[in-house]
PDB file of N, CA and C in Angstrom:
ATOM      1  N   GLN A   1       0.935  -1.543   0.159  1.00  0.00           N
ATOM      2  CA  GLN A   1      -0.115  -0.117  -0.388  1.00  0.00           C
ATOM      3  C   GLN A   1       1.040   1.788   0.236  1.00  0.00           C
ATOM      4  N   VAL A   2       0.654   2.042  -0.921  1.00  0.00           N
ATOM      5  CA  VAL A   2       1.876   3.294  -0.864  1.00  0.00           C
ATOM      6  C   VAL A   2       0.820   4.369  -0.117  1.00  0.00           C
ATOM      7  N   GLN A   3       1.427   5.375   0.143  1.00  0.00           N
ATOM      8  CA  GLN A   3       0.322   6.464   1.014  1.00  0.00           C
ATOM      9  C   GLN A   3       1.433   7.347   0.229  1.00  0.00           C
ATOM     10  N   LEU A   4       0.788   8.543   0.085  1.00  0.00           N
ATOM     11  CA  LEU A   4       1.064   9.972  -0.175  1.00  0.00           C
ATOM     12  C   LEU A   4       0.574  11.557   1.059  1.00  0.00           C
ATOM     13  N   VAL A   5       1.566  11.708   2.085  1.00  0.00           N
ATOM     14  CA  VAL A   5       0.924  12.764   3.043  1.00  0.00           C
ATOM     15  C   VAL A   5       1.559  13.849   2.722  1.00  0.00           C
ATOM     16  N   GLU A   6       0.838  14.715   1.760  1.00  0.00           N
ATOM     17  CA  GLU A   6       0.839  16.306   1.472  1.00  0.00           C
ATOM     18  C   GLU A   6       0.681  17.391   2.917  1.00  0.00           C
ATOM     19  N   SER A   7       1.468  18.537   2.923  1.00  0.00           N
ATOM     20  CA  SER A   7       1.162  19.669   3.775  1.00  0.00           C
ATOM     21  C   SER A   7       1.904  20.986   2.942  1.00  0.00           C
ATOM     22  N   GLY A   8       1.795  22.171   3.458  1.00  0.00           N
ATOM     23  CA  GLY A   8       1.943  23.336   3.253  1.00  0.00           C
ATOM     24  C   GLY A   8       1.367  24.510   2.766  1.00  0.00           C
ATOM     25  N   GLY A   9      -0.094  23.532   2.847  1.00  0.00           N
ATOM     26  CA  GLY A   9      -0.893  24.323   2.005  1.00  0.00           C
ATOM     27  C   GLY A   9      -1.381  25.172   2.787  1.00  0.00           C
ATOM     28  N   GLY A  10      -2.684  26.222   2.224  1.00  0.00           N
ATOM     29  CA  GLY A  10      -3.119  27.940   3.601  1.00  0.00           C
ATOM     30  C   GLY A  10      -3.344  28.979   2.492  1.00  0.00           C
ATOM     31  N   LEU A  11      -2.491  29.986   3.336  1.00  0.00           N
ATOM     32  CA  LEU A  11      -3.948  31.579   2.563  1.00  0.00           C
ATOM     33  C   LEU A  11      -2.623  32.296   3.245  1.00  0.00           C
ATOM     34  N   VAL A  12      -2.328  32.596   1.474  1.00  0.00           N
ATOM     35  CA  VAL A  12      -0.831  33.900   1.504  1.00  0.00           C
ATOM     36  C   VAL A  12      -1.991  35.143   1.066  1.00  0.00           C
ATOM     37  N   GLN A  13      -1.231  35.956   1.314  1.00  0.00           N
ATOM     38  CA  GLN A  13      -1.772  37.279   0.149  1.00  0.00           C
ATOM     39  C   GLN A  13      -0.750  37.307  -1.531  1.00  0.00           C
ATOM     40  N   ALA A  14      -1.459  37.609  -3.094  1.00  0.00           N
ATOM     41  CA  ALA A  14      -1.318  38.140  -4.126  1.00  0.00           C
ATOM     42  C   ALA A  14       0.376  38.207  -4.295  1.00  0.00           C
ATOM     43  N   GLY A  15       0.965  37.565  -4.638  1.00  0.00           N
ATOM     44  CA  GLY A  15       2.532  37.921  -4.258  1.00  0.00           C
ATOM     45  C   GLY A  15       3.578  37.125  -3.933  1.00  0.00           C
ATOM     46  N   GLY A  16       3.198  36.224  -2.366  1.00  0.00           N
ATOM     47  CA  GLY A  16       3.129  35.673  -1.858  1.00  0.00           C
ATOM     48  C   GLY A  16       4.249  34.195  -1.783  1.00  0.00           C
ATOM     49  N   SER A  17       4.284  33.854  -1.238  1.00  0.00           N
ATOM     50  CA  SER A  17       5.318  31.940  -1.220  1.00  0.00           C
ATOM     51  C   SER A  17       4.903  31.147  -0.636  1.00  0.00           C
ATOM     52  N   LEU A  18       4.555  29.802  -0.626  1.00  0.00           N
ATOM     53  CA  LEU A  18       4.158  28.771   0.051  1.00  0.00           C
ATOM     54  C   LEU A  18       5.383  26.917  -0.818  1.00  0.00           C
ATOM     55  N   ARG A  19       5.305  26.604   0.580  1.00  0.00           N
ATOM     56  CA  ARG A  19       6.220  25.926  -0.253  1.00  0.00           C
ATOM     57  C   ARG A  19       5.584  24.403   0.119  1.00  0.00           C
ATOM     58  N   LEU A  20       4.941  23.531  -0.277  1.00  0.00           N
ATOM     59  CA  LEU A  20       4.652  22.040  -0.332  1.00  0.00           C
ATOM     60  C   LEU A  20       5.029  21.091  -0.351  1.00  0.00           C
ATOM     61  N   SER A  21       4.535  19.825   0.703  1.00  0.00           N
ATOM     62  CA  SER A  21       5.760  19.136   0.129  1.00  0.00           C
ATOM     63  C   SER A  21       5.054  17.831   0.474  1.00  0.00           C
ATOM     64  N   CYS A  22       5.379  16.821  -0.275  1.00  0.00           N
ATOM     65  CA  CYS A  22       4.630  14.954  -1.103  1.00  0.00           C
ATOM     66  C   CYS A  22       5.783  14.713  -0.178  1.00  0.00           C
ATOM     67  N   ALA A  23       5.516  13.578   0.541  1.00  0.00           N
ATOM     68  CA  ALA A  23       5.988  12.371   1.438  1.00  0.00           C
ATOM     69  C   ALA A  23       5.531  11.424   0.834  1.00  0.00           C
ATOM     70  N   ALA A  24       6.728  10.302   0.506  1.00  0.00           N
ATOM     71  CA  ALA A  24       5.809   9.012  -0.144  1.00  0.00           C
ATOM     72  C   ALA A  24       6.157   7.963   0.747  1.00  0.00           C
ATOM     73  N   SER A  25       5.287   6.845   1.220  1.00  0.00           N
ATOM     74  CA  SER A  25       6.020   5.818   2.199  1.00  0.00           C
ATOM     75  C   SER A  25       4.924   4.400   1.554  1.00  0.00           C
ATOM     76  N   GLY A  26       5.527   3.390   1.332  1.00  0.00           N
ATOM     77  CA  GLY A  26       4.273   2.020   1.762  1.00  0.00           C
ATOM     78  C   GLY A  26       5.534   1.483   1.056  1.00  0.00           C
ATOM     79  N   SER A  27       5.073   0.410   0.005  1.00  0.00           N
ATOM     80  CA  SER A  27       6.320  -0.616  -0.578  1.00  0.00           C
ATOM     81  C   SER A  27       5.821   0.247  -3.193  1.00  0.00           C
ATOM     82  N   ILE A  28       6.539   0.573  -2.100  1.00  0.00           N
ATOM     83  CA  ILE A  28       7.004   1.687  -3.278  1.00  0.00           C
ATOM     84  C   ILE A  28       8.739   0.762  -4.177  1.00  0.00           C
ATOM     85  N   PHE A  29       8.426   0.426  -5.343  1.00  0.00           N
ATOM     86  CA  PHE A  29       9.917  -0.668  -6.538  1.00  0.00           C
ATOM     87  C   PHE A  29      10.369   0.394  -6.713  1.00  0.00           C
ATOM     88  N   TRP A  30       9.304   1.233  -7.533  1.00  0.00           N
ATOM     89  CA  TRP A  30      10.523   1.769  -8.812  1.00  0.00           C
ATOM     90  C   TRP A  30       9.534   3.219  -8.695  1.00  0.00           C
ATOM     91  N   ILE A  31       9.837   4.404  -9.065  1.00  0.00           N
ATOM     92  CA  ILE A  31       8.932   5.582  -9.064  1.00  0.00           C
ATOM     93  C   ILE A  31       9.560   6.052 -10.332  1.00  0.00           C
ATOM     94  N   ASN A  32       8.875   5.998 -11.332  1.00  0.00           N
ATOM     95  CA  ASN A  32       8.897   7.410 -12.706  1.00  0.00           C
ATOM     96  C   ASN A  32       9.100   8.186 -12.353  1.00  0.00           C
ATOM     97  N   ALA A  33       8.411   8.830 -11.577  1.00  0.00           N
ATOM     98  CA  ALA A  33       7.694  10.494 -11.884  1.00  0.00           C
ATOM     99  C   ALA A  33       7.387  10.738 -10.716  1.00  0.00           C
ATOM    100  N   MET A  34       6.585  11.699  -9.832  1.00  0.00           N
ATOM    101  CA  MET A  34       6.505  12.125  -8.924  1.00  0.00           C
ATOM    102  C   MET A  34       6.411  13.887  -9.814  1.00  0.00           C
ATOM    103  N   GLY A  35       5.246  14.608  -8.633  1.00  0.00           N
ATOM    104  CA  GLY A  35       5.035  15.292  -9.006  1.00  0.00           C
ATOM    105  C   GLY A  35       3.505  16.624  -8.529  1.00  0.00           C
ATOM    106  N   TRP A  36       2.871  17.227  -8.741  1.00  0.00           N
ATOM    107  CA  TRP A  36       1.966  18.256  -8.273  1.00  0.00           C
ATOM    108  C   TRP A  36       1.106  17.932  -9.153  1.00  0.00           C
ATOM    109  N   TYR A  37      -0.191  18.407  -9.083  1.00  0.00           N
ATOM    110  CA  TYR A  37      -1.808  18.493 -10.082  1.00  0.00           C
ATOM    111  C   TYR A  37      -2.431  19.656  -9.111  1.00  0.00           C
ATOM    112  N   ARG A  38      -2.823  19.814  -9.594  1.00  0.00           N
ATOM    113  CA  ARG A  38      -4.507  20.960  -9.033  1.00  0.00           C
ATOM    114  C   ARG A  38      -5.883  20.974  -9.472  1.00  0.00           C
ATOM    115  N   GLN A  39      -6.335  21.476  -9.182  1.00  0.00           N
ATOM    116  CA  GLN A  39      -7.738  21.320  -9.116  1.00  0.00           C
ATOM    117  C   GLN A  39      -8.417  22.265  -8.582  1.00  0.00           C
ATOM    118  N   ALA A  40      -9.034  23.645  -9.452  1.00  0.00           N
ATOM    119  CA  ALA A  40     -10.245  24.996  -9.401  1.00  0.00           C
ATOM    120  C   ALA A  40     -11.436  23.938  -9.070  1.00  0.00           C
ATOM    121  N   PRO A  41     -12.238  25.089  -7.961  1.00  0.00           N
ATOM    122  CA  PRO A  41     -12.983  24.781  -8.136  1.00  0.00           C
ATOM    123  C   PRO A  41     -14.517  24.816  -9.918  1.00  0.00           C
ATOM    124  N   GLY A  42     -14.649  23.444 -10.171  1.00  0.00           N
ATOM    125  CA  GLY A  42     -15.320  24.101 -11.613  1.00  0.00           C
ATOM    126  C   GLY A  42     -14.826  23.725 -12.690  1.00  0.00           C
ATOM    127  N   LYS A  43     -13.521  23.349 -12.222  1.00  0.00           N
ATOM    128  CA  LYS A  43     -12.360  22.997 -13.218  1.00  0.00           C
ATOM    129  C   LYS A  43     -11.514  21.806 -13.039  1.00  0.00           C
ATOM    130  N   GLN A  44     -11.491  21.265 -14.396  1.00  0.00           N
ATOM    131  CA  GLN A  44     -10.566  19.795 -14.461  1.00  0.00           C
ATOM    132  C   GLN A  44      -9.406  19.749 -13.366  1.00  0.00           C
ATOM    133  N   ARG A  45      -9.114  18.934 -13.045  1.00  0.00           N
ATOM    134  CA  ARG A  45      -7.761  18.176 -12.187  1.00  0.00           C
ATOM    135  C   ARG A  45      -6.222  19.130 -13.780  1.00  0.00           C
ATOM    136  N   GLU A  46      -6.413  19.608 -13.101  1.00  0.00           N
ATOM    137  CA  GLU A  46      -4.597  20.234 -14.331  1.00  0.00           C
ATOM    138  C   GLU A  46      -3.073  19.363 -13.455  1.00  0.00           C
ATOM    139  N   LEU A  47      -2.040  19.224 -14.299  1.00  0.00           N
ATOM    140  CA  LEU A  47      -1.405  19.137 -14.702  1.00  0.00           C
ATOM    141  C   LEU A  47      -0.248  20.066 -13.225  1.00  0.00           C
ATOM    142  N   VAL A  48       1.076  20.555 -12.722  1.00  0.00           N
ATOM    143  CA  VAL A  48       1.348  21.856 -12.390  1.00  0.00           C
ATOM    144  C   VAL A  48       2.844  21.634 -12.661  1.00  0.00           C
ATOM    145  N   ALA A  49       3.438  20.560 -12.246  1.00  0.00           N
ATOM    146  CA  ALA A  49       4.736  19.904 -12.703  1.00  0.00           C
ATOM    147  C   ALA A  49       4.751  18.904 -12.179  1.00  0.00           C
ATOM    148  N   PHE A  50       6.602  18.075 -12.588  1.00  0.00           N
ATOM    149  CA  PHE A  50       6.578  17.401 -12.266  1.00  0.00           C
ATOM    150  C   PHE A  50       7.784  16.825 -12.176  1.00  0.00           C
ATOM    151  N   ILE A  51       8.889  15.882 -11.785  1.00  0.00           N
ATOM    152  CA  ILE A  51      10.316  15.601 -11.788  1.00  0.00           C
ATOM    153  C   ILE A  51      10.550  14.164 -11.871  1.00  0.00           C
ATOM    154  N   THR A  52      11.049  13.436 -13.431  1.00  0.00           N
ATOM    155  CA  THR A  52      11.226  12.068 -13.156  1.00  0.00           C
ATOM    156  C   THR A  52      12.450  11.698 -11.655  1.00  0.00           C
ATOM    157  N   ASP A  53      12.622  10.465 -12.440  1.00  0.00           N
ATOM    158  CA  ASP A  53      13.327   9.646 -11.528  1.00  0.00           C
ATOM    159  C   ASP A  53      15.076   9.970 -11.661  1.00  0.00           C
ATOM    160  N   GLY A  54      15.272  10.257 -13.549  1.00  0.00           N
ATOM    161  CA  GLY A  54      16.301  10.353 -14.284  1.00  0.00           C
ATOM    162  C   GLY A  54      16.871  12.416 -13.478  1.00  0.00           C
ATOM    163  N   GLY A  55      15.567  12.905 -12.902  1.00  0.00           N
ATOM    164  CA  GLY A  55      15.842  14.491 -12.586  1.00  0.00           C
ATOM    165  C   GLY A  55      15.560  15.455 -13.579  1.00  0.00           C
ATOM    166  N   THR A  56      14.519  14.801 -14.251  1.00  0.00           N
ATOM    167  CA  THR A  56      14.304  15.657 -15.414  1.00  0.00           C
ATOM    168  C   THR A  56      12.986  16.660 -14.904  1.00  0.00           C
ATOM    169  N   THR A  57      12.368  17.908 -15.020  1.00  0.00           N
ATOM    170  CA  THR A  57      11.449  18.446 -14.649  1.00  0.00           C
ATOM    171  C   THR A  57      10.809  19.381 -15.849  1.00  0.00           C
ATOM    172  N   ASN A  58       9.092  19.469 -15.685  1.00  0.00           N
ATOM    173  CA  ASN A  58       8.254  19.515 -16.461  1.00  0.00           C
ATOM    174  C   ASN A  58       7.406  20.505 -15.727  1.00  0.00           C
ATOM    175  N   TYR A  59       7.084  22.213 -15.939  1.00  0.00           N
ATOM    176  CA  TYR A  59       5.585  22.515 -15.668  1.00  0.00           C
ATOM    177  C   TYR A  59       5.237  22.974 -16.328  1.00  0.00           C
ATOM    178  N   ALA A  60       3.858  23.490 -16.115  1.00  0.00           N
ATOM    179  CA  ALA A  60       2.933  24.377 -16.855  1.00  0.00           C
ATOM    180  C   ALA A  60       3.452  25.262 -17.386  1.00  0.00           C
ATOM    181  N   ASP A  61       2.695  25.992 -18.793  1.00  0.00           N
ATOM    182  CA  ASP A  61       3.229  27.188 -19.302  1.00  0.00           C
ATOM    183  C   ASP A  61       2.850  28.294 -18.026  1.00  0.00           C
ATOM    184  N   SER A  62       1.377  27.980 -17.208  1.00  0.00           N
ATOM    185  CA  SER A  62       1.469  28.848 -16.200  1.00  0.00           C
ATOM    186  C   SER A  62       2.181  29.173 -14.780  1.00  0.00           C
ATOM    187  N   VAL A  63       2.920  28.237 -14.301  1.00  0.00           N
ATOM    188  CA  VAL A  63       3.669  28.661 -13.471  1.00  0.00           C
ATOM    189  C   VAL A  63       5.428  28.665 -14.111  1.00  0.00           C
ATOM    190  N   LYS A  64       5.364  28.306 -14.581  1.00  0.00           N
ATOM    191  CA  LYS A  64       6.579  28.379 -15.458  1.00  0.00           C
ATOM    192  C   LYS A  64       7.706  30.044 -15.031  1.00  0.00           C
ATOM    193  N   GLY A  65       8.369  29.978 -14.104  1.00  0.00           N
ATOM    194  CA  GLY A  65       9.506  30.664 -13.926  1.00  0.00           C
ATOM    195  C   GLY A  65       8.741  31.235 -12.373  1.00  0.00           C
ATOM    196  N   ARG A  66       7.650  31.251 -11.817  1.00  0.00           N
ATOM    197  CA  ARG A  66       7.524  30.701 -10.859  1.00  0.00           C
ATOM    198  C   ARG A  66       6.918  30.126  -9.182  1.00  0.00           C
ATOM    199  N   PHE A  67       6.837  28.639  -9.906  1.00  0.00           N
ATOM    200  CA  PHE A  67       7.340  27.228  -9.291  1.00  0.00           C
ATOM    201  C   PHE A  67       7.748  26.949  -8.788  1.00  0.00           C
ATOM    202  N   THR A  68       8.982  26.017  -8.278  1.00  0.00           N
ATOM    203  CA  THR A  68       9.952  24.814  -8.279  1.00  0.00           C
ATOM    204  C   THR A  68       9.874  23.944  -7.574  1.00  0.00           C
ATOM    205  N   ILE A  69       9.981  22.812  -8.710  1.00  0.00           N
ATOM    206  CA  ILE A  69       9.879  21.642  -7.915  1.00  0.00           C
ATOM    207  C   ILE A  69      10.459  21.059  -7.882  1.00  0.00           C
ATOM    208  N   SER A  70      11.755  20.069  -6.371  1.00  0.00           N
ATOM    209  CA  SER A  70      11.910  19.431  -6.041  1.00  0.00           C
ATOM    210  C   SER A  70      12.382  18.188  -5.953  1.00  0.00           C
ATOM    211  N   ARG A  71      13.465  17.669  -4.947  1.00  0.00           N
ATOM    212  CA  ARG A  71      13.147  16.311  -4.086  1.00  0.00           C
ATOM    213  C   ARG A  71      14.137  16.345  -3.132  1.00  0.00           C
ATOM    214  N   ASP A  72      13.850  15.613  -2.561  1.00  0.00           N
ATOM    215  CA  ASP A  72      14.643  14.692  -1.617  1.00  0.00           C
ATOM    216  C   ASP A  72      16.099  13.542  -2.278  1.00  0.00           C
ATOM    217  N   ASN A  73      16.471  14.337  -2.413  1.00  0.00           N
ATOM    218  CA  ASN A  73      17.967  13.013  -3.717  1.00  0.00           C
ATOM    219  C   ASN A  73      17.809  11.728  -2.769  1.00  0.00           C
ATOM    220  N   ALA A  74      18.290  12.109  -1.614  1.00  0.00           N
ATOM    221  CA  ALA A  74      18.246  10.417  -0.618  1.00  0.00           C
ATOM    222  C   ALA A  74      17.580   9.491  -0.466  1.00  0.00           C
ATOM    223  N   ASN A  75      16.158   9.998  -0.731  1.00  0.00           N
ATOM    224  CA  ASN A  75      15.934   8.955  -1.304  1.00  0.00           C
ATOM    225  C   ASN A  75      14.663   8.913  -2.694  1.00  0.00           C
ATOM    226  N   LYS A  76      14.464   9.816  -2.620  1.00  0.00           N
ATOM    227  CA  LYS A  76      13.293  10.214  -3.930  1.00  0.00           C
ATOM    228  C   LYS A  76      12.543  10.171  -3.262  1.00  0.00           C
ATOM    229  N   LYS A  77      12.205  10.385  -2.601  1.00  0.00           N
ATOM    230  CA  LYS A  77      10.574   9.617  -2.088  1.00  0.00           C
ATOM    231  C   LYS A  77       9.963  11.097  -1.500  1.00  0.00           C
ATOM    232  N   THR A  78      10.626  12.445  -1.450  1.00  0.00           N
ATOM    233  CA  THR A  78       9.757  13.023  -1.366  1.00  0.00           C
ATOM    234  C   THR A  78      10.001  14.496  -1.981  1.00  0.00           C
ATOM    235  N   VAL A  79       8.523  15.566  -2.049  1.00  0.00           N
ATOM    236  CA  VAL A  79       8.759  16.135  -3.905  1.00  0.00           C
ATOM    237  C   VAL A  79       8.314  17.068  -2.006  1.00  0.00           C
ATOM    238  N   TYR A  80       8.843  18.251  -3.528  1.00  0.00           N
ATOM    239  CA  TYR A  80       9.052  20.543  -2.500  1.00  0.00           C
ATOM    240  C   TYR A  80       7.947  20.567  -4.129  1.00  0.00           C
ATOM    241  N   LEU A  81       7.095  21.777  -4.087  1.00  0.00           N
ATOM    242  CA  LEU A  81       6.907  22.821  -4.473  1.00  0.00           C
ATOM    243  C   LEU A  81       6.741  23.737  -3.868  1.00  0.00           C
ATOM    244  N   GLN A  82       7.881  24.802  -4.058  1.00  0.00           N
ATOM    245  CA  GLN A  82       8.224  26.171  -4.074  1.00  0.00           C
ATOM    246  C   GLN A  82       7.589  27.291  -5.001  1.00  0.00           C
ATOM    247  N   MET A  83       6.321  27.779  -4.311  1.00  0.00           N
ATOM    248  CA  MET A  83       5.647  28.284  -5.688  1.00  0.00           C
ATOM    249  C   MET A  83       5.957  29.952  -4.643  1.00  0.00           C
ATOM    250  N   ASN A  84       6.115  31.276  -5.740  1.00  0.00           N
ATOM    251  CA  ASN A  84       6.508  32.427  -5.311  1.00  0.00           C
ATOM    252  C   ASN A  84       6.127  32.940  -6.340  1.00  0.00           C
ATOM    253  N   SER A  85       6.273  33.972  -6.251  1.00  0.00           N
ATOM    254  CA  SER A  85       5.373  35.507  -6.516  1.00  0.00           C
ATOM    255  C   SER A  85       3.256  34.538  -7.108  1.00  0.00           C
ATOM    256  N   LEU A  86       2.807  34.165  -5.509  1.00  0.00           N
ATOM    257  CA  LEU A  86       1.504  33.371  -5.863  1.00  0.00           C
ATOM    258  C   LEU A  86       0.836  34.536  -6.529  1.00  0.00           C
ATOM    259  N   LYS A  87      -0.754  34.416  -7.446  1.00  0.00           N
ATOM    260  CA  LYS A  87      -1.125  34.788  -8.422  1.00  0.00           C
ATOM    261  C   LYS A  87      -2.647  34.036  -7.400  1.00  0.00           C
ATOM    262  N   PRO A  88      -3.560  34.574  -7.471  1.00  0.00           N
ATOM    263  CA  PRO A  88      -5.608  34.151  -7.182  1.00  0.00           C
ATOM    264  C   PRO A  88      -5.134  33.031  -7.998  1.00  0.00           C
ATOM    265  N   GLU A  89      -5.058  33.018  -9.289  1.00  0.00           N
ATOM    266  CA  GLU A  89      -5.911  31.885 -10.493  1.00  0.00           C
ATOM    267  C   GLU A  89      -4.447  31.418  -9.867  1.00  0.00           C
ATOM    268  N   ASP A  90      -3.943  30.695  -8.611  1.00  0.00           N
ATOM    269  CA  ASP A  90      -3.175  29.533  -8.604  1.00  0.00           C
ATOM    270  C   ASP A  90      -4.164  29.234  -7.277  1.00  0.00           C
ATOM    271  N   THR A  91      -4.895  29.708  -6.874  1.00  0.00           N
ATOM    272  CA  THR A  91      -5.962  28.932  -6.123  1.00  0.00           C
ATOM    273  C   THR A  91      -6.609  27.402  -6.364  1.00  0.00           C
ATOM    274  N   ALA A  92      -6.454  26.886  -5.695  1.00  0.00           N
ATOM    275  CA  ALA A  92      -6.631  25.551  -6.182  1.00  0.00           C
ATOM    276  C   ALA A  92      -6.563  23.844  -4.961  1.00  0.00           C
ATOM    277  N   VAL A  93      -7.148  23.502  -4.865  1.00  0.00           N
ATOM    278  CA  VAL A  93      -6.657  21.776  -4.545  1.00  0.00           C
ATOM    279  C   VAL A  93      -5.556  21.316  -4.954  1.00  0.00           C
ATOM    280  N   TYR A  94      -3.977  21.097  -4.314  1.00  0.00           N
ATOM    281  CA  TYR A  94      -3.001  20.748  -4.794  1.00  0.00           C
ATOM    282  C   TYR A  94      -2.486  19.226  -4.217  1.00  0.00           C
ATOM    283  N   TYR A  95      -2.398  18.697  -5.323  1.00  0.00           N
ATOM    284  CA  TYR A  95      -2.572  16.819  -4.834  1.00  0.00           C
ATOM    285  C   TYR A  95      -1.493  16.777  -5.777  1.00  0.00           C
ATOM    286  N   CYS A  96      -1.129  15.950  -4.435  1.00  0.00           N
ATOM    287  CA  CYS A  96       0.508  14.725  -4.996  1.00  0.00           C
ATOM    288  C   CYS A  96       0.286  14.009  -6.506  1.00  0.00           C
ATOM    289  N   ASN A  97       1.064  13.927  -7.042  1.00  0.00           N
ATOM    290  CA  ASN A  97       0.880  12.594  -7.913  1.00  0.00           C
ATOM    291  C   ASN A  97       2.322  11.283  -7.600  1.00  0.00           C
ATOM    292  N   LEU A  98       2.051  10.203  -7.876  1.00  0.00           N
ATOM    293  CA  LEU A  98       3.157   9.379  -7.699  1.00  0.00           C
ATOM    294  C   LEU A  98       3.461   8.228  -8.640  1.00  0.00           C
ATOM    295  N   LYS A  99       4.059   8.382  -9.886  1.00  0.00           N
ATOM    296  CA  LYS A  99       3.388   7.410 -11.022  1.00  0.00           C
ATOM    297  C   LYS A  99       4.546   5.481 -10.790  1.00  0.00           C
ATOM    298  N   SER A 100       4.517   5.329 -10.661  1.00  0.00           N
ATOM    299  CA  SER A 100       5.522   3.588 -11.030  1.00  0.00           C
ATOM    300  C   SER A 100       4.992   3.545 -11.628  1.00  0.00           C
ATOM    301  N   VAL A 101       6.312   1.801 -12.173  1.00  0.00           N
ATOM    302  CA  VAL A 101       5.828   1.312 -13.374  1.00  0.00           C
ATOM    303  C   VAL A 101       4.267   0.452 -13.154  1.00  0.00           C
ATOM    304  N   THR A 102       3.599   0.270 -12.792  1.00  0.00           N
ATOM    305  CA  THR A 102       2.451   0.125 -12.952  1.00  0.00           C
ATOM    306  C   THR A 102       0.946   0.726 -12.122  1.00  0.00           C
ATOM    307  N   ALA A 103       1.188   1.500 -11.471  1.00  0.00           N
ATOM    308  CA  ALA A 103       0.046   2.003 -11.114  1.00  0.00           C
ATOM    309  C   ALA A 103       0.676   3.894 -10.813  1.00  0.00           C
ATOM    310  N   SER A 104      -0.647   4.885 -10.057  1.00  0.00           N
ATOM    311  CA  SER A 104      -0.677   5.811 -10.398  1.00  0.00           C
ATOM    312  C   SER A 104      -0.877   6.541  -8.887  1.00  0.00           C
ATOM    313  N   TYR A 105      -0.065   6.943  -8.182  1.00  0.00           N
ATOM    314  CA  TYR A 105      -0.989   7.007  -6.989  1.00  0.00           C
ATOM    315  C   TYR A 105      -1.154   8.237  -6.463  1.00  0.00           C
ATOM    316  N   TRP A 106      -2.031   8.540  -5.444  1.00  0.00           N
ATOM    317  CA  TRP A 106      -2.372  10.411  -5.312  1.00  0.00           C
ATOM    318  C   TRP A 106      -2.807  10.301  -3.596  1.00  0.00           C
ATOM    319  N   GLY A 107      -2.426  11.477  -3.064  1.00  0.00           N
ATOM    320  CA  GLY A 107      -2.333  12.064  -2.439  1.00  0.00           C
ATOM    321  C   GLY A 107      -3.956  13.013  -1.741  1.00  0.00           C
ATOM    322  N   GLN A 108      -4.024  12.638  -0.655  1.00  0.00           N
ATOM    323  CA  GLN A 108      -5.729  13.365  -0.630  1.00  0.00           C
ATOM    324  C   GLN A 108      -5.996  14.858  -1.013  1.00  0.00           C
ATOM    325  N   GLY A 109      -4.856  15.657  -0.994  1.00  0.00           N
ATOM    326  CA  GLY A 109      -4.762  16.842  -1.666  1.00  0.00           C
ATOM    327  C   GLY A 109      -4.982  18.573  -0.176  1.00  0.00           C
ATOM    328  N   THR A 110      -3.944  19.214  -0.509  1.00  0.00           N
ATOM    329  CA  THR A 110      -3.780  20.201   0.144  1.00  0.00           C
ATOM    330  C   THR A 110      -3.969  21.640  -0.477  1.00  0.00           C
ATOM    331  N   GLN A 111      -4.682  22.466   0.483  1.00  0.00           N
ATOM    332  CA  GLN A 111      -5.441  23.636  -0.635  1.00  0.00           C
ATOM    333  C   GLN A 111      -5.033  24.779  -0.501  1.00  0.00           C
ATOM    334  N   VAL A 112      -4.553  25.199  -1.567  1.00  0.00           N
ATOM    335  CA  VAL A 112      -3.652  26.340  -1.469  1.00  0.00           C
ATOM    336  C   VAL A 112      -4.689  28.223  -1.914  1.00  0.00           C
ATOM    337  N   THR A 113      -4.913  28.197  -1.515  1.00  0.00           N
ATOM    338  CA  THR A 113      -5.900  29.943  -1.723  1.00  0.00           C
ATOM    339  C   THR A 113      -4.965  30.722  -1.640  1.00  0.00           C
ATOM    340  N   VAL A 114      -5.319  31.812  -2.341  1.00  0.00           N
ATOM    341  CA  VAL A 114      -4.054  33.178  -2.641  1.00  0.00           C
ATOM    342  C   VAL A 114      -5.134  34.023  -2.479  1.00  0.00           C
ATOM    343  N   SER A 115      -5.443  35.166  -2.025  1.00  0.00           N
ATOM    344  CA  SER A 115      -6.120  36.739  -2.315  1.00  0.00           C
ATOM    345  C   SER A 115      -5.369  37.694  -2.896  1.00  0.00           C
ATOM    346  N   SER A 116      -6.758  38.314  -3.106  1.00  0.00           N
ATOM    347  CA  SER A 116      -5.700  39.262  -3.437  1.00  0.00           C
ATOM    348  C   SER A 116      -6.202  40.671  -3.417  1.00  0.00           C
TER     349      SER A 116
END
C-alpha cells in the first residue's frame, strides 16, 4: 500500500510564497515520476509540475518561472513545490501524484488559497 502525505498549503496574499511537501511511503519498487496537480472549483484537474526518476522537470506554462519542483535525492520519495509570486488564479486544491511502473497514486490534497 502506497501513501502520499501532503503538507504546506494555506492562505497567502497575492505575491506571496508557499512551499508544499509530499512524502511517499509504502511498498514502492520504482518511481517513474512524482509531481503536483491542482484542481480549482469547477475546473478539471491539471498538471502543475513533475520530476522524473532521472531528475528531469516539467512545468505547466502558467507556473513557469514562479514554481520550482524539487525532491529529496537521498530517497527520492519526498518532493517539494516552491511556489513564489502567487496569483489568485493559483487558488486550488493541490494533489501530489506518484507514478510507478504499474500504477498511479494520489495524495489527499492540500488547499492553497491566494487572496487578491
